[in-house]
Amino acid sequence: MDAAPMGKVKALLILIKHRILVTILFTGFTGMIMTVGPWPAFSTSMLCFVILILGAGGAAMANNVLDQEIDSQMPRTQKRLK
């Protein structure tokens, strides 16, 4: 496998902040179970996961783009993906 696509996948995972995304998915699914009842339909669960992934991932990427100038000035965040 070519190294370039793997680099892009790694960059995407960093941009969407995948560790935070997992927490959001867990929280969203827990809320869905508490609201719907014992177990939601598979199609409802998948739709919820897709919407949460797209929403949270998109927000994280937008945050990285909008905060580039601020991140470059702070020592803790200077090495973030550009």
N, C-alpha and C. Protein backbone atom coordinates (compact mmCIF):
# COMPACT_ATOMS: atom_id res chain seq x y z
N MET A 1 0.84 -1.18 0.00
CA MET A 1 0.00 0.00 0.00
C MET A 1 0.88 1.24 0.00
N ASP A 2 0.47 2.23 -0.75
CA ASP A 2 1.22 3.47 -0.87
C ASP A 2 1.20 4.23 0.46
N ALA A 3 2.30 4.88 0.79
CA ALA A 3 2.41 5.60 2.06
C ALA A 3 1.60 6.90 2.06
N ALA A 4 1.41 7.51 0.90
CA ALA A 4 0.71 8.79 0.83
C ALA A 4 -0.74 8.70 1.32
N PRO A 5 -1.53 7.70 0.89
CA PRO A 5 -2.90 7.63 1.42
C PRO A 5 -2.94 7.40 2.92
N MET A 6 -2.01 6.62 3.46
CA MET A 6 -1.99 6.40 4.91
C MET A 6 -1.68 7.69 5.65
N GLY A 7 -0.83 8.52 5.07
CA GLY A 7 -0.55 9.83 5.67
C GLY A 7 -1.78 10.71 5.68
N LYS A 8 -2.57 10.61 4.62
CA LYS A 8 -3.80 11.40 4.54
C LYS A 8 -4.83 10.90 5.55
N VAL A 9 -4.91 9.59 5.74
CA VAL A 9 -5.83 9.02 6.73
C VAL A 9 -5.42 9.47 8.13
N LYS A 10 -4.12 9.43 8.41
CA LYS A 10 -3.63 9.86 9.72
C LYS A 10 -3.93 11.34 9.95
N ALA A 11 -3.73 12.15 8.93
CA ALA A 11 -4.02 13.58 9.05
C ALA A 11 -5.51 13.81 9.28
N LEU A 12 -6.36 13.04 8.59
CA LEU A 12 -7.80 13.17 8.78
C LEU A 12 -8.20 12.79 10.21
N LEU A 13 -7.63 11.72 10.74
CA LEU A 13 -7.94 11.32 12.11
C LEU A 13 -7.51 12.38 13.12
N ILE A 14 -6.40 13.04 12.84
CA ILE A 14 -5.96 14.12 13.73
C ILE A 14 -6.91 15.30 13.62
N LEU A 15 -7.31 15.63 12.39
CA LEU A 15 -8.20 16.78 12.19
C LEU A 15 -9.57 16.60 12.83
N ILE A 16 -10.11 15.39 12.75
CA ILE A 16 -11.46 15.18 13.31
C ILE A 16 -11.42 14.89 14.80
N LYS A 17 -10.22 14.83 15.38
CA LYS A 17 -10.05 14.57 16.81
C LYS A 17 -10.82 13.31 17.20
N HIS A 18 -10.36 12.19 16.68
CA HIS A 18 -11.08 10.93 16.79
C HIS A 18 -11.35 10.47 18.23
N ARG A 19 -10.50 10.82 19.17
CA ARG A 19 -10.75 10.43 20.56
C ARG A 19 -11.98 11.15 21.12
N ILE A 20 -12.12 12.42 20.76
CA ILE A 20 -13.29 13.18 21.19
C ILE A 20 -14.52 12.66 20.46
N LEU A 21 -14.36 12.29 19.19
CA LEU A 21 -15.47 11.78 18.39
C LEU A 21 -16.04 10.50 18.99
N VAL A 22 -15.19 9.63 19.49
CA VAL A 22 -15.66 8.39 20.12
C VAL A 22 -16.50 8.70 21.35
N THR A 23 -16.08 9.68 22.13
CA THR A 23 -16.84 10.09 23.31
C THR A 23 -18.20 10.65 22.91
N ILE A 24 -18.23 11.45 21.86
CA ILE A 24 -19.50 12.01 21.39
C ILE A 24 -20.42 10.90 20.89
N LEU A 25 -19.88 9.92 20.17
CA LEU A 25 -20.70 8.80 19.70
C LEU A 25 -21.28 8.02 20.87
N PHE A 26 -20.47 7.75 21.87
CA PHE A 26 -20.95 7.02 23.04
C PHE A 26 -22.06 7.78 23.75
N THR A 27 -21.85 9.08 23.93
CA THR A 27 -22.85 9.91 24.60
C THR A 27 -24.14 9.99 23.79
N GLY A 28 -24.00 10.15 22.48
CA GLY A 28 -25.18 10.22 21.62
C GLY A 28 -25.97 8.92 21.62
N PHE A 29 -25.25 7.80 21.57
CA PHE A 29 -25.93 6.50 21.57
C PHE A 29 -26.62 6.25 22.91
N THR A 30 -25.96 6.63 24.01
CA THR A 30 -26.57 6.47 25.33
C THR A 30 -27.84 7.29 25.43
N GLY A 31 -27.80 8.53 24.95
CA GLY A 31 -29.00 9.37 24.95
C GLY A 31 -30.10 8.79 24.08
N MET A 32 -29.73 8.19 22.95
CA MET A 32 -30.72 7.59 22.07
C MET A 32 -31.40 6.40 22.75
N ILE A 33 -30.64 5.58 23.44
CA ILE A 33 -31.21 4.43 24.14
C ILE A 33 -32.15 4.90 25.26
N MET A 34 -31.74 5.94 25.98
CA MET A 34 -32.57 6.43 27.08
C MET A 34 -33.86 7.06 26.56
N THR A 35 -33.83 7.63 25.38
CA THR A 35 -35.01 8.29 24.83
C THR A 35 -35.95 7.30 24.14
N VAL A 36 -35.40 6.43 23.30
CA VAL A 36 -36.21 5.54 22.48
C VAL A 36 -36.76 4.37 23.29
N GLY A 37 -36.02 3.87 24.19
CA GLY A 37 -36.45 2.70 24.95
C GLY A 37 -35.32 1.68 25.02
N PRO A 38 -35.67 0.41 25.06
CA PRO A 38 -34.66 -0.62 25.28
C PRO A 38 -33.58 -0.67 24.20
N TRP A 39 -33.95 -0.64 22.94
CA TRP A 39 -32.95 -0.71 21.88
C TRP A 39 -33.52 -0.10 20.61
N PRO A 40 -32.85 0.91 20.05
CA PRO A 40 -33.37 1.52 18.82
C PRO A 40 -33.17 0.60 17.61
N ALA A 41 -33.92 0.86 16.56
CA ALA A 41 -33.78 0.09 15.33
C ALA A 41 -32.38 0.28 14.75
N PHE A 42 -31.90 -0.72 14.03
CA PHE A 42 -30.55 -0.66 13.46
C PHE A 42 -30.41 0.53 12.52
N SER A 43 -31.40 0.78 11.68
CA SER A 43 -31.32 1.91 10.74
C SER A 43 -31.27 3.24 11.48
N THR A 44 -32.01 3.35 12.57
CA THR A 44 -31.98 4.57 13.38
C THR A 44 -30.61 4.76 14.02
N SER A 45 -30.03 3.67 14.51
CA SER A 45 -28.70 3.74 15.13
C SER A 45 -27.65 4.17 14.12
N MET A 46 -27.68 3.59 12.94
CA MET A 46 -26.70 3.93 11.91
C MET A 46 -26.85 5.38 11.45
N LEU A 47 -28.08 5.82 11.29
CA LEU A 47 -28.32 7.21 10.90
C LEU A 47 -27.80 8.16 11.97
N CYS A 48 -28.04 7.81 13.22
CA CYS A 48 -27.54 8.63 14.33
C CYS A 48 -26.01 8.68 14.33
N PHE A 49 -25.36 7.54 14.13
CA PHE A 49 -23.90 7.50 14.09
C PHE A 49 -23.35 8.35 12.94
N VAL A 50 -23.94 8.23 11.77
CA VAL A 50 -23.47 9.00 10.61
C VAL A 50 -23.62 10.50 10.86
N ILE A 51 -24.78 10.90 11.38
CA ILE A 51 -25.00 12.31 11.65
C ILE A 51 -24.04 12.83 12.72
N LEU A 52 -23.82 12.05 13.77
CA LEU A 52 -22.88 12.47 14.81
C LEU A 52 -21.46 12.56 14.29
N ILE A 53 -21.04 11.59 13.48
CA ILE A 53 -19.68 11.61 12.93
C ILE A 53 -19.48 12.81 12.02
N LEU A 54 -20.44 13.04 11.12
CA LEU A 54 -20.31 14.18 10.20
C LEU A 54 -20.36 15.52 10.94
N GLY A 55 -21.26 15.63 11.88
CA GLY A 55 -21.39 16.88 12.62
C GLY A 55 -20.18 17.18 13.50
N ALA A 56 -19.79 16.21 14.30
CA ALA A 56 -18.67 16.41 15.22
C ALA A 56 -17.34 16.50 14.47
N GLY A 57 -17.16 15.65 13.46
CA GLY A 57 -15.92 15.71 12.67
C GLY A 57 -15.79 17.01 11.91
N GLY A 58 -16.89 17.46 11.32
CA GLY A 58 -16.88 18.74 10.59
C GLY A 58 -16.61 19.91 11.51
N ALA A 59 -17.21 19.89 12.69
CA ALA A 59 -16.97 20.96 13.66
C ALA A 59 -15.51 20.99 14.12
N ALA A 60 -14.93 19.80 14.33
CA ALA A 60 -13.52 19.74 14.75
C ALA A 60 -12.60 20.26 13.65
N MET A 61 -12.89 19.90 12.39
CA MET A 61 -12.06 20.39 11.29
C MET A 61 -12.19 21.90 11.14
N ALA A 62 -13.42 22.41 11.24
CA ALA A 62 -13.62 23.86 11.16
C ALA A 62 -12.88 24.57 12.29
N ASN A 63 -12.91 23.99 13.48
CA ASN A 63 -12.20 24.57 14.61
C ASN A 63 -10.70 24.63 14.35
N ASN A 64 -10.13 23.58 13.78
CA ASN A 64 -8.69 23.58 13.46
C ASN A 64 -8.35 24.66 12.45
N VAL A 65 -9.19 24.83 11.45
CA VAL A 65 -8.93 25.85 10.42
C VAL A 65 -9.06 27.25 11.01
N LEU A 66 -10.11 27.49 11.78
CA LEU A 66 -10.35 28.82 12.32
C LEU A 66 -9.35 29.21 13.40
N ASP A 67 -8.78 28.24 14.10
CA ASP A 67 -7.85 28.53 15.19
C ASP A 67 -6.38 28.44 14.80
N GLN A 68 -6.06 28.35 13.52
CA GLN A 68 -4.66 28.20 13.10
C GLN A 68 -3.79 29.35 13.59
N GLU A 69 -4.27 30.57 13.47
CA GLU A 69 -3.46 31.72 13.88
C GLU A 69 -3.22 31.72 15.39
N ILE A 70 -4.24 31.43 16.14
CA ILE A 70 -4.11 31.40 17.60
C ILE A 70 -3.21 30.23 18.02
N ASP A 71 -3.39 29.07 17.39
CA ASP A 71 -2.57 27.90 17.74
C ASP A 71 -1.09 28.13 17.46
N SER A 72 -0.77 28.90 16.44
CA SER A 72 0.64 29.15 16.12
C SER A 72 1.32 30.03 17.17
N GLN A 73 0.55 30.74 17.97
CA GLN A 73 1.13 31.64 18.98
C GLN A 73 1.29 30.98 20.35
N MET A 74 0.61 29.89 20.58
CA MET A 74 0.67 29.23 21.89
C MET A 74 1.67 28.07 21.84
N PRO A 75 2.60 28.00 22.78
CA PRO A 75 3.61 26.92 22.75
C PRO A 75 2.99 25.52 22.76
N ARG A 76 1.92 25.31 23.50
CA ARG A 76 1.30 24.00 23.59
C ARG A 76 0.68 23.54 22.27
N THR A 77 0.23 24.47 21.45
CA THR A 77 -0.50 24.12 20.22
C THR A 77 0.27 24.46 18.94
N GLN A 78 1.52 24.85 19.02
CA GLN A 78 2.28 25.24 17.84
C GLN A 78 2.48 24.11 16.84
N LYS A 79 2.51 22.87 17.29
CA LYS A 79 2.82 21.75 16.40
C LYS A 79 1.57 21.09 15.83
N ARG A 80 0.41 21.70 15.99
CA ARG A 80 -0.82 21.12 15.45
C ARG A 80 -0.77 21.09 13.93
N LEU A 81 -1.53 20.18 13.38
CA LEU A 81 -1.57 20.00 11.93
C LEU A 81 -2.05 21.26 11.25
N LYS A 82 -1.34 21.64 10.17
CA LYS A 82 -1.71 22.86 9.43
C LYS A 82 -2.27 22.51 8.09
